[in-house]
Amino acid sequence: MTTLSALHREARDRLAEAGIENAALDARLIVEHFTATRRVDAIRAPDRTLDPGIATAVRDALRRRIAREPVHRILGRREFYGLDLKLSPATLEPRPDTETLVDLCLPFLRERAAAGGVSRILDLGTGTGAIALAFLSQIPQTTALCTDISAEALETALSNADINGMKGRFGGIVSNWFEAVDGNFTLIVSNPPYIPTRDIGMLASEVRYHDPVMALDGGLDGLDAYRSIAAGAGRHLEEAGRVAVEIGFDQRQDVIGIFEAGGFALKGSAKDLGGNERALMFARL
């Protein structure tokens, strides 16, 4: 029989030998998930024996990670802004860099809430629903309408809203950007596809083979989505509303230019943990 400590050690060693970055963390996440244990259990009960079927499930997961399937794809879920979110093949895996976009927008929404206003958020290309749900979790005086071109992605987002107790304030429609959207919003937000088509093949295997290409490919220059958002946002934005987008590390000036040409002025920006410009916020000129 395999013990909990032995399985942790085996997982760490196998991932490290395969050259997996953050091998120790990924090993712990996999073992804890399939054994339904926590870090404290490995300390308090290292000699706990495990059912052979559980050890087999862990080893199968390790083989998938060694083949460069992302650890959170294997687990089927990922945390974002303190929320537990399900993943599906139709959704991007939400990443910590995108929390920068949430952080940039929250002061604006909090100011609105403090003044007694109710904010209506439009999240374009919602994927898992991560961005909108982060706002709803932080500010009760908000509702969100979320769009995605993929019905499967939208189903995942609606499920995440239900899991996190926010189904009543979260709506979703299948839409290509603003195509099926009606009404005006306090905040229009998006983490759109922004990788130039030519660069898709150079992405890490974990991204290239496991994130949906439709959610990555931003067209020839990576800026197609920003043109669509800037062109349509004015028709759906409240008078004092804001538009905020995540961007690629080298796209700041190009995206600012697109929004300025569409009648918007930059009102704020934020850098991610790596020091890269990651999020921009705009208001009408």
C-alpha atoms as a PDB file:
ATOM      1  CA  MET A   1       0.000   0.000   0.000  1.00  0.00           C
ATOM      2  CA  THR A   2       1.156   3.537  -0.774  1.00  0.00           C
ATOM      3  CA  THR A   3       1.315   6.103   2.006  1.00  0.00           C
ATOM      4  CA  LEU A   4       0.386   9.758   1.671  1.00  0.00           C
ATOM      5  CA  SER A   5       3.963  10.940   2.232  1.00  0.00           C
ATOM      6  CA  ALA A   6       5.355   8.432  -0.266  1.00  0.00           C
ATOM      7  CA  LEU A   7       2.868   9.562  -2.905  1.00  0.00           C
ATOM      8  CA  HIS A   8       3.773  13.219  -2.341  1.00  0.00           C
ATOM      9  CA  ARG A   9       7.448  12.368  -2.704  1.00  0.00           C
ATOM     10  CA  GLU A  10       6.876  10.277  -5.832  1.00  0.00           C
ATOM     11  CA  ALA A  11       4.810  13.048  -7.439  1.00  0.00           C
ATOM     12  CA  ARG A  12       7.419  15.726  -6.719  1.00  0.00           C
ATOM     13  CA  ASP A  13      10.251  13.587  -8.021  1.00  0.00           C
ATOM     14  CA  ARG A  14       8.487  12.564 -11.227  1.00  0.00           C
ATOM     15  CA  LEU A  15       7.488  16.095 -12.169  1.00  0.00           C
ATOM     16  CA  ALA A  16      10.907  17.511 -11.294  1.00  0.00           C
ATOM     17  CA  GLU A  17      12.663  14.838 -13.373  1.00  0.00           C
ATOM     18  CA  ALA A  18      10.384  15.742 -16.305  1.00  0.00           C
ATOM     19  CA  GLY A  19      11.446  19.380 -16.064  1.00  0.00           C
ATOM     20  CA  ILE A  20       8.042  20.683 -15.030  1.00  0.00           C
ATOM     21  CA  GLU A  21       8.210  24.248 -13.764  1.00  0.00           C
ATOM     22  CA  ASN A  22       6.849  24.566 -10.209  1.00  0.00           C
ATOM     23  CA  ALA A  23       7.008  20.774  -9.901  1.00  0.00           C
ATOM     24  CA  ALA A  24       6.563  20.768  -6.112  1.00  0.00           C
ATOM     25  CA  LEU A  25       3.425  22.931  -6.245  1.00  0.00           C
ATOM     26  CA  ASP A  26       1.847  20.986  -9.104  1.00  0.00           C
ATOM     27  CA  ALA A  27       2.615  17.699  -7.353  1.00  0.00           C
ATOM     28  CA  ARG A  28       0.957  18.909  -4.159  1.00  0.00           C
ATOM     29  CA  LEU A  29      -2.129  20.150  -5.997  1.00  0.00           C
ATOM     30  CA  ILE A  30      -2.539  16.835  -7.812  1.00  0.00           C
ATOM     31  CA  VAL A  31      -2.042  14.656  -4.749  1.00  0.00           C
ATOM     32  CA  GLU A  32      -4.321  16.759  -2.548  1.00  0.00           C
ATOM     33  CA  HIS A  33      -7.043  16.810  -5.199  1.00  0.00           C
ATOM     34  CA  PHE A  34      -7.192  13.074  -5.843  1.00  0.00           C
ATOM     35  CA  THR A  35      -6.662  12.043  -2.209  1.00  0.00           C
ATOM     36  CA  ALA A  36      -9.093  14.675  -0.871  1.00  0.00           C
ATOM     37  CA  THR A  37      -6.464  15.819   1.632  1.00  0.00           C
ATOM     38  CA  ARG A  38      -4.963  19.151   2.658  1.00  0.00           C
ATOM     39  CA  ARG A  39      -1.412  20.224   3.356  1.00  0.00           C
ATOM     40  CA  VAL A  40      -1.952  19.746   7.089  1.00  0.00           C
ATOM     41  CA  ASP A  41      -2.861  16.086   6.505  1.00  0.00           C
ATOM     42  CA  ALA A  42       0.571  15.392   5.026  1.00  0.00           C
ATOM     43  CA  ILE A  43       2.071  16.764   8.248  1.00  0.00           C
ATOM     44  CA  ARG A  44      -0.276  15.132  10.740  1.00  0.00           C
ATOM     45  CA  ALA A  45      -0.769  11.773   9.040  1.00  0.00           C
ATOM     46  CA  PRO A  46       2.107  11.147   6.598  1.00  0.00           C
ATOM     47  CA  ASP A  47       1.824   7.367   7.022  1.00  0.00           C
ATOM     48  CA  ARG A  48      -1.855   7.224   6.104  1.00  0.00           C
ATOM     49  CA  THR A  49      -2.315   4.389   3.611  1.00  0.00           C
ATOM     50  CA  LEU A  50      -4.206   5.083   0.422  1.00  0.00           C
ATOM     51  CA  ASP A  51      -6.567   2.997  -1.635  1.00  0.00           C
ATOM     52  CA  PRO A  52      -4.738   1.608  -4.707  1.00  0.00           C
ATOM     53  CA  GLY A  53      -7.331   3.211  -6.975  1.00  0.00           C
ATOM     54  CA  ILE A  54      -6.498   6.656  -5.600  1.00  0.00           C
ATOM     55  CA  ALA A  55      -2.776   6.129  -6.137  1.00  0.00           C
ATOM     56  CA  THR A  56      -3.521   5.033  -9.712  1.00  0.00           C
ATOM     57  CA  ALA A  57      -5.584   8.195 -10.319  1.00  0.00           C
ATOM     58  CA  VAL A  58      -2.697  10.334  -9.062  1.00  0.00           C
ATOM     59  CA  ARG A  59      -0.210   8.560 -11.317  1.00  0.00           C
ATOM     60  CA  ASP A  60      -2.508   8.974 -14.318  1.00  0.00           C
ATOM     61  CA  ALA A  61      -2.712  12.702 -13.534  1.00  0.00           C
ATOM     62  CA  LEU A  62       1.079  12.900 -13.281  1.00  0.00           C
ATOM     63  CA  ARG A  63       1.407  11.351 -16.745  1.00  0.00           C
ATOM     64  CA  ARG A  64      -0.940  14.009 -18.107  1.00  0.00           C
ATOM     65  CA  ARG A  65       1.073  16.799 -16.459  1.00  0.00           C
ATOM     66  CA  ILE A  66       4.343  15.366 -17.777  1.00  0.00           C
ATOM     67  CA  ALA A  67       2.727  15.500 -21.243  1.00  0.00           C
ATOM     68  CA  ARG A  68       2.325  19.259 -20.558  1.00  0.00           C
ATOM     69  CA  GLU A  69      -1.381  19.323 -19.824  1.00  0.00           C
ATOM     70  CA  PRO A  70      -1.829  22.239 -17.374  1.00  0.00           C
ATOM     71  CA  VAL A  71      -2.357  21.161 -13.793  1.00  0.00           C
ATOM     72  CA  HIS A  72      -5.624  23.086 -13.440  1.00  0.00           C
ATOM     73  CA  ARG A  73      -7.000  21.463 -16.597  1.00  0.00           C
ATOM     74  CA  ILE A  74      -6.297  18.115 -14.962  1.00  0.00           C
ATOM     75  CA  LEU A  75      -8.079  19.222 -11.789  1.00  0.00           C
ATOM     76  CA  GLY A  76     -10.924  20.748 -13.820  1.00  0.00           C
ATOM     77  CA  ARG A  77     -11.001  23.979 -11.830  1.00  0.00           C
ATOM     78  CA  ARG A  78      -8.958  26.993 -10.778  1.00  0.00           C
ATOM     79  CA  GLU A  79      -9.169  29.718  -8.158  1.00  0.00           C
ATOM     80  CA  PHE A  80      -9.574  33.318  -9.320  1.00  0.00           C
ATOM     81  CA  TYR A  81      -9.980  36.256  -6.940  1.00  0.00           C
ATOM     82  CA  GLY A  82     -10.833  33.809  -4.155  1.00  0.00           C
ATOM     83  CA  LEU A  83     -13.521  32.053  -6.224  1.00  0.00           C
ATOM     84  CA  ASP A  84     -13.538  28.378  -7.146  1.00  0.00           C
ATOM     85  CA  LEU A  85     -14.178  28.189 -10.904  1.00  0.00           C
ATOM     86  CA  LYS A  86     -14.858  25.216 -13.142  1.00  0.00           C
ATOM     87  CA  LEU A  87     -12.986  25.000 -16.446  1.00  0.00           C
ATOM     88  CA  SER A  88     -14.116  23.538 -19.740  1.00  0.00           C
ATOM     89  CA  PRO A  89     -12.421  22.980 -23.120  1.00  0.00           C
ATOM     90  CA  ALA A  90     -14.231  26.098 -24.417  1.00  0.00           C
ATOM     91  CA  THR A  91     -12.823  28.443 -21.766  1.00  0.00           C
ATOM     92  CA  LEU A  92      -9.493  30.064 -21.120  1.00  0.00           C
ATOM     93  CA  GLU A  93      -7.914  29.129 -17.839  1.00  0.00           C
ATOM     94  CA  PRO A  94      -8.197  32.328 -15.745  1.00  0.00           C
ATOM     95  CA  ARG A  95      -4.768  33.500 -14.662  1.00  0.00           C
ATOM     96  CA  PRO A  96      -3.436  35.807 -11.937  1.00  0.00           C
ATOM     97  CA  ASP A  97      -2.484  38.490 -14.490  1.00  0.00           C
ATOM     98  CA  THR A  98      -6.184  39.034 -15.195  1.00  0.00           C
ATOM     99  CA  GLU A  99      -6.761  39.915 -11.543  1.00  0.00           C
ATOM    100  CA  THR A 100      -4.919  43.131 -12.469  1.00  0.00           C
ATOM    101  CA  LEU A 101      -7.913  44.111 -14.617  1.00  0.00           C
ATOM    102  CA  VAL A 102     -10.288  43.501 -11.703  1.00  0.00           C
ATOM    103  CA  ASP A 103      -8.095  45.547  -9.362  1.00  0.00           C
ATOM    104  CA  LEU A 104      -8.037  48.449 -11.827  1.00  0.00           C
ATOM    105  CA  CYS A 105     -11.840  48.605 -12.051  1.00  0.00           C
ATOM    106  CA  LEU A 106     -12.852  47.985  -8.435  1.00  0.00           C
ATOM    107  CA  PRO A 107     -12.218  51.537  -7.112  1.00  0.00           C
ATOM    108  CA  PHE A 108     -14.529  52.939  -9.803  1.00  0.00           C
ATOM    109  CA  LEU A 109     -17.282  50.451  -8.938  1.00  0.00           C
ATOM    110  CA  ARG A 110     -16.820  50.985  -5.183  1.00  0.00           C
ATOM    111  CA  GLU A 111     -17.135  54.747  -5.633  1.00  0.00           C
ATOM    112  CA  ARG A 112     -20.347  54.183  -7.532  1.00  0.00           C
ATOM    113  CA  ALA A 113     -21.680  51.860  -4.806  1.00  0.00           C
ATOM    114  CA  ALA A 114     -20.765  54.331  -2.048  1.00  0.00           C
ATOM    115  CA  ALA A 115     -22.818  56.984  -3.843  1.00  0.00           C
ATOM    116  CA  GLY A 116     -25.823  54.671  -3.767  1.00  0.00           C
ATOM    117  CA  GLY A 117     -25.634  53.618  -7.401  1.00  0.00           C
ATOM    118  CA  VAL A 118     -26.228  50.156  -8.809  1.00  0.00           C
ATOM    119  CA  SER A 119     -23.634  49.182 -11.389  1.00  0.00           C
ATOM    120  CA  ARG A 120     -24.473  47.044 -14.389  1.00  0.00           C
ATOM    121  CA  ILE A 121     -21.459  45.257 -15.864  1.00  0.00           C
ATOM    122  CA  LEU A 122     -21.067  43.883 -19.381  1.00  0.00           C
ATOM    123  CA  ASP A 123     -18.332  41.239 -19.627  1.00  0.00           C
ATOM    124  CA  LEU A 124     -17.497  40.545 -23.273  1.00  0.00           C
ATOM    125  CA  GLY A 125     -16.042  37.101 -24.004  1.00  0.00           C
ATOM    126  CA  THR A 126     -16.625  35.959 -20.444  1.00  0.00           C
ATOM    127  CA  GLY A 127     -15.208  32.419 -20.666  1.00  0.00           C
ATOM    128  CA  THR A 128     -15.443  30.991 -17.139  1.00  0.00           C
ATOM    129  CA  GLY A 129     -17.174  34.170 -15.931  1.00  0.00           C
ATOM    130  CA  ALA A 130     -14.111  34.940 -13.797  1.00  0.00           C
ATOM    131  CA  ILE A 131     -13.970  38.721 -14.250  1.00  0.00           C
ATOM    132  CA  ALA A 132     -17.673  39.411 -13.775  1.00  0.00           C
ATOM    133  CA  LEU A 133     -17.951  37.048 -10.816  1.00  0.00           C
ATOM    134  CA  ALA A 134     -14.967  38.710  -9.136  1.00  0.00           C
ATOM    135  CA  PHE A 135     -16.799  42.051  -9.315  1.00  0.00           C
ATOM    136  CA  LEU A 136     -20.057  40.558  -8.045  1.00  0.00           C
ATOM    137  CA  SER A 137     -18.249  38.909  -5.144  1.00  0.00           C
ATOM    138  CA  GLN A 138     -16.716  42.216  -4.055  1.00  0.00           C
ATOM    139  CA  ILE A 139     -19.628  44.606  -4.571  1.00  0.00           C
ATOM    140  CA  PRO A 140     -23.205  43.502  -3.806  1.00  0.00           C
ATOM    141  CA  GLN A 141     -24.635  46.507  -5.676  1.00  0.00           C
ATOM    142  CA  THR A 142     -23.703  45.049  -9.061  1.00  0.00           C
ATOM    143  CA  THR A 143     -25.272  42.860 -11.698  1.00  0.00           C
ATOM    144  CA  ALA A 144     -23.577  41.418 -14.755  1.00  0.00           C
ATOM    145  CA  LEU A 145     -24.519  40.474 -18.282  1.00  0.00           C
ATOM    146  CA  CYS A 146     -21.906  38.205 -19.800  1.00  0.00           C
ATOM    147  CA  THR A 147     -21.419  37.292 -23.438  1.00  0.00           C
ATOM    148  CA  ASP A 148     -19.448  34.657 -25.243  1.00  0.00           C
ATOM    149  CA  ILE A 149     -19.442  33.416 -28.803  1.00  0.00           C
ATOM    150  CA  SER A 150     -19.294  29.865 -27.416  1.00  0.00           C
ATOM    151  CA  ALA A 151     -22.462  28.384 -25.912  1.00  0.00           C
ATOM    152  CA  GLU A 152     -20.324  25.834 -24.047  1.00  0.00           C
ATOM    153  CA  ALA A 153     -18.227  28.585 -22.463  1.00  0.00           C
ATOM    154  CA  LEU A 154     -21.369  30.444 -21.442  1.00  0.00           C
ATOM    155  CA  GLU A 155     -22.785  27.278 -19.861  1.00  0.00           C
ATOM    156  CA  THR A 156     -19.571  26.975 -17.826  1.00  0.00           C
ATOM    157  CA  ALA A 157     -19.831  30.616 -16.711  1.00  0.00           C
ATOM    158  CA  LEU A 158     -23.459  30.204 -15.627  1.00  0.00           C
ATOM    159  CA  SER A 159     -22.503  27.077 -13.684  1.00  0.00           C
ATOM    160  CA  ASN A 160     -19.726  29.017 -11.935  1.00  0.00           C
ATOM    161  CA  ALA A 161     -22.176  31.751 -11.003  1.00  0.00           C
ATOM    162  CA  ASP A 162     -24.419  29.109  -9.450  1.00  0.00           C
ATOM    163  CA  ILE A 163     -21.549  27.379  -7.611  1.00  0.00           C
ATOM    164  CA  ASN A 164     -20.451  30.691  -6.104  1.00  0.00           C
ATOM    165  CA  GLY A 165     -23.946  31.811  -5.079  1.00  0.00           C
ATOM    166  CA  MET A 166     -24.307  34.642  -7.596  1.00  0.00           C
ATOM    167  CA  LYS A 167     -26.712  33.161 -10.139  1.00  0.00           C
ATOM    168  CA  GLY A 168     -29.393  35.763  -9.386  1.00  0.00           C
ATOM    169  CA  ARG A 169     -27.128  38.660 -10.395  1.00  0.00           C
ATOM    170  CA  PHE A 170     -25.427  36.991 -13.354  1.00  0.00           C
ATOM    171  CA  GLY A 171     -26.950  36.692 -16.812  1.00  0.00           C
ATOM    172  CA  GLY A 172     -25.474  35.333 -20.021  1.00  0.00           C
ATOM    173  CA  ILE A 173     -26.134  35.476 -23.761  1.00  0.00           C
ATOM    174  CA  VAL A 174     -24.389  34.006 -26.779  1.00  0.00           C
ATOM    175  CA  SER A 175     -23.096  36.996 -28.712  1.00  0.00           C
ATOM    176  CA  ASN A 176     -20.246  37.999 -30.990  1.00  0.00           C
ATOM    177  CA  TRP A 177     -19.134  41.088 -29.098  1.00  0.00           C
ATOM    178  CA  PHE A 178     -22.112  43.516 -29.036  1.00  0.00           C
ATOM    179  CA  GLU A 179     -24.166  41.688 -31.665  1.00  0.00           C
ATOM    180  CA  ALA A 180     -26.938  40.464 -29.312  1.00  0.00           C
ATOM    181  CA  VAL A 181     -26.433  43.029 -26.534  1.00  0.00           C
ATOM    182  CA  ASP A 182     -29.179  45.472 -25.559  1.00  0.00           C
ATOM    183  CA  GLY A 183     -29.078  48.304 -23.014  1.00  0.00           C
ATOM    184  CA  ASN A 184     -26.440  50.461 -21.337  1.00  0.00           C
ATOM    185  CA  PHE A 185     -23.824  49.564 -18.753  1.00  0.00           C
ATOM    186  CA  THR A 186     -21.758  51.215 -16.047  1.00  0.00           C
ATOM    187  CA  LEU A 187     -18.684  49.157 -16.926  1.00  0.00           C
ATOM    188  CA  ILE A 188     -17.856  47.277 -20.110  1.00  0.00           C
ATOM    189  CA  VAL A 189     -14.954  44.929 -19.509  1.00  0.00           C
ATOM    190  CA  SER A 190     -13.109  42.288 -21.508  1.00  0.00           C
ATOM    191  CA  ASN A 191     -10.077  40.039 -21.576  1.00  0.00           C
ATOM    192  CA  PRO A 192     -10.200  39.553 -25.354  1.00  0.00           C
ATOM    193  CA  PRO A 193      -8.063  37.469 -27.703  1.00  0.00           C
ATOM    194  CA  TYR A 194      -4.874  39.474 -28.248  1.00  0.00           C
ATOM    195  CA  ILE A 195      -2.197  37.108 -29.529  1.00  0.00           C
ATOM    196  CA  PRO A 196      -1.174  37.840 -33.150  1.00  0.00           C
ATOM    197  CA  THR A 197      -2.044  34.869 -35.356  1.00  0.00           C
ATOM    198  CA  ARG A 198       1.593  34.323 -36.316  1.00  0.00           C
ATOM    199  CA  ASP A 199       2.567  33.919 -32.651  1.00  0.00           C
ATOM    200  CA  ILE A 200       0.046  31.215 -31.714  1.00  0.00           C
ATOM    201  CA  GLY A 201       2.422  28.434 -32.750  1.00  0.00           C
ATOM    202  CA  MET A 202       5.143  29.807 -30.456  1.00  0.00           C
ATOM    203  CA  LEU A 203       3.066  29.691 -27.273  1.00  0.00           C
ATOM    204  CA  ALA A 204       3.910  27.203 -24.538  1.00  0.00           C
ATOM    205  CA  SER A 205       2.424  23.749 -25.078  1.00  0.00           C
ATOM    206  CA  GLU A 206       0.252  24.204 -21.994  1.00  0.00           C
ATOM    207  CA  VAL A 207      -1.438  27.165 -23.720  1.00  0.00           C
ATOM    208  CA  ARG A 208      -1.222  26.226 -27.403  1.00  0.00           C
ATOM    209  CA  TYR A 209      -2.764  22.786 -27.032  1.00  0.00           C
ATOM    210  CA  HIS A 210      -5.182  23.353 -24.153  1.00  0.00           C
ATOM    211  CA  ASP A 211      -6.610  26.882 -24.299  1.00  0.00           C
ATOM    212  CA  PRO A 212      -9.209  27.412 -27.062  1.00  0.00           C
ATOM    213  CA  VAL A 213      -7.561  29.090 -30.059  1.00  0.00           C
ATOM    214  CA  MET A 214     -10.645  31.257 -30.553  1.00  0.00           C
ATOM    215  CA  ALA A 215      -9.958  32.851 -27.158  1.00  0.00           C
ATOM    216  CA  LEU A 216      -6.278  33.484 -28.002  1.00  0.00           C
ATOM    217  CA  ASP A 217      -6.112  34.556 -31.642  1.00  0.00           C
ATOM    218  CA  GLY A 218      -6.443  38.333 -31.965  1.00  0.00           C
ATOM    219  CA  GLY A 219      -5.978  38.440 -35.724  1.00  0.00           C
ATOM    220  CA  LEU A 220      -3.017  39.469 -37.848  1.00  0.00           C
ATOM    221  CA  ASP A 221      -1.745  42.115 -35.438  1.00  0.00           C
ATOM    222  CA  GLY A 222      -3.522  40.895 -32.298  1.00  0.00           C
ATOM    223  CA  LEU A 223      -5.747  43.990 -32.164  1.00  0.00           C
ATOM    224  CA  ASP A 224      -8.970  42.916 -33.921  1.00  0.00           C
ATOM    225  CA  ALA A 225     -10.958  42.548 -30.692  1.00  0.00           C
ATOM    226  CA  TYR A 226      -9.995  46.020 -29.457  1.00  0.00           C
ATOM    227  CA  ARG A 227     -11.249  47.532 -32.703  1.00  0.00           C
ATOM    228  CA  SER A 228     -14.597  45.783 -32.252  1.00  0.00           C
ATOM    229  CA  ILE A 229     -14.910  46.821 -28.607  1.00  0.00           C
ATOM    230  CA  ALA A 230     -13.922  50.438 -29.241  1.00  0.00           C
ATOM    231  CA  ALA A 231     -16.350  50.659 -32.174  1.00  0.00           C
ATOM    232  CA  GLY A 232     -19.330  49.328 -30.237  1.00  0.00           C
ATOM    233  CA  ALA A 233     -18.825  50.402 -26.635  1.00  0.00           C
ATOM    234  CA  GLY A 234     -20.143  53.958 -27.060  1.00  0.00           C
ATOM    235  CA  ARG A 235     -23.624  52.672 -27.940  1.00  0.00           C
ATOM    236  CA  HIS A 236     -23.855  50.661 -24.714  1.00  0.00           C
ATOM    237  CA  LEU A 237     -22.052  52.798 -22.136  1.00  0.00           C
ATOM    238  CA  GLU A 238     -23.714  54.947 -19.513  1.00  0.00           C
ATOM    239  CA  GLU A 239     -22.808  58.641 -19.606  1.00  0.00           C
ATOM    240  CA  ALA A 240     -20.192  58.390 -16.848  1.00  0.00           C
ATOM    241  CA  GLY A 241     -19.314  54.766 -17.563  1.00  0.00           C
ATOM    242  CA  ARG A 242     -15.959  53.105 -18.180  1.00  0.00           C
ATOM    243  CA  VAL A 243     -14.513  50.562 -20.598  1.00  0.00           C
ATOM    244  CA  ALA A 244     -11.634  48.378 -19.408  1.00  0.00           C
ATOM    245  CA  VAL A 245      -9.588  45.748 -21.225  1.00  0.00           C
ATOM    246  CA  GLU A 246      -6.696  43.414 -20.611  1.00  0.00           C
ATOM    247  CA  ILE A 247      -3.831  43.832 -23.099  1.00  0.00           C
ATOM    248  CA  GLY A 248      -0.656  42.110 -24.209  1.00  0.00           C
ATOM    249  CA  PHE A 249       2.605  43.284 -22.665  1.00  0.00           C
ATOM    250  CA  ASP A 250       3.584  45.399 -25.712  1.00  0.00           C
ATOM    251  CA  GLN A 251       0.161  46.647 -26.854  1.00  0.00           C
ATOM    252  CA  ARG A 252      -0.385  49.721 -24.671  1.00  0.00           C
ATOM    253  CA  GLN A 253       0.143  52.432 -27.284  1.00  0.00           C
ATOM    254  CA  ASP A 254      -1.695  50.583 -30.044  1.00  0.00           C
ATOM    255  CA  VAL A 255      -4.751  49.939 -27.878  1.00  0.00           C
ATOM    256  CA  ILE A 256      -4.800  53.514 -26.564  1.00  0.00           C
ATOM    257  CA  GLY A 257      -4.697  54.733 -30.168  1.00  0.00           C
ATOM    258  CA  ILE A 258      -7.623  52.516 -31.161  1.00  0.00           C
ATOM    259  CA  PHE A 259      -9.783  53.742 -28.286  1.00  0.00           C
ATOM    260  CA  GLU A 260      -8.838  57.390 -28.787  1.00  0.00           C
ATOM    261  CA  ALA A 261      -9.875  57.081 -32.441  1.00  0.00           C
ATOM    262  CA  GLY A 262     -13.186  55.641 -31.191  1.00  0.00           C
ATOM    263  CA  GLY A 263     -13.859  58.650 -28.951  1.00  0.00           C
ATOM    264  CA  PHE A 264     -12.379  57.504 -25.652  1.00  0.00           C
ATOM    265  CA  ALA A 265      -9.709  58.861 -23.308  1.00  0.00           C
ATOM    266  CA  LEU A 266      -7.403  56.817 -21.076  1.00  0.00           C
ATOM    267  CA  LYS A 267      -8.447  57.072 -17.409  1.00  0.00           C
ATOM    268  CA  GLY A 268      -6.225  54.495 -15.774  1.00  0.00           C
ATOM    269  CA  SER A 269      -3.792  51.644 -16.288  1.00  0.00           C
ATOM    270  CA  ALA A 270      -2.250  48.874 -14.192  1.00  0.00           C
ATOM    271  CA  LYS A 271       0.766  46.579 -14.315  1.00  0.00           C
ATOM    272  CA  ASP A 272       0.747  42.875 -13.557  1.00  0.00           C
ATOM    273  CA  LEU A 273       2.998  41.118 -11.054  1.00  0.00           C
ATOM    274  CA  GLY A 274       5.713  40.875 -13.698  1.00  0.00           C
ATOM    275  CA  GLY A 275       5.747  44.643 -14.153  1.00  0.00           C
ATOM    276  CA  ASN A 276       4.085  44.529 -17.578  1.00  0.00           C
ATOM    277  CA  GLU A 277       1.318  46.927 -18.553  1.00  0.00           C
ATOM    278  CA  ARG A 278      -1.694  44.605 -18.399  1.00  0.00           C
ATOM    279  CA  ALA A 279      -4.942  46.594 -18.105  1.00  0.00           C
ATOM    280  CA  LEU A 280      -6.312  49.884 -19.453  1.00  0.00           C
ATOM    281  CA  MET A 281      -9.454  51.831 -18.525  1.00  0.00           C
ATOM    282  CA  PHE A 282     -11.196  54.393 -20.738  1.00  0.00           C
ATOM    283  CA  ALA A 283     -14.017  56.939 -20.565  1.00  0.00           C
ATOM    284  CA  ARG A 284     -15.778  58.882 -23.290  1.00  0.00           C
ATOM    285  CA  LEU A 285     -13.949  62.009 -24.460  1.00  0.00           C
END
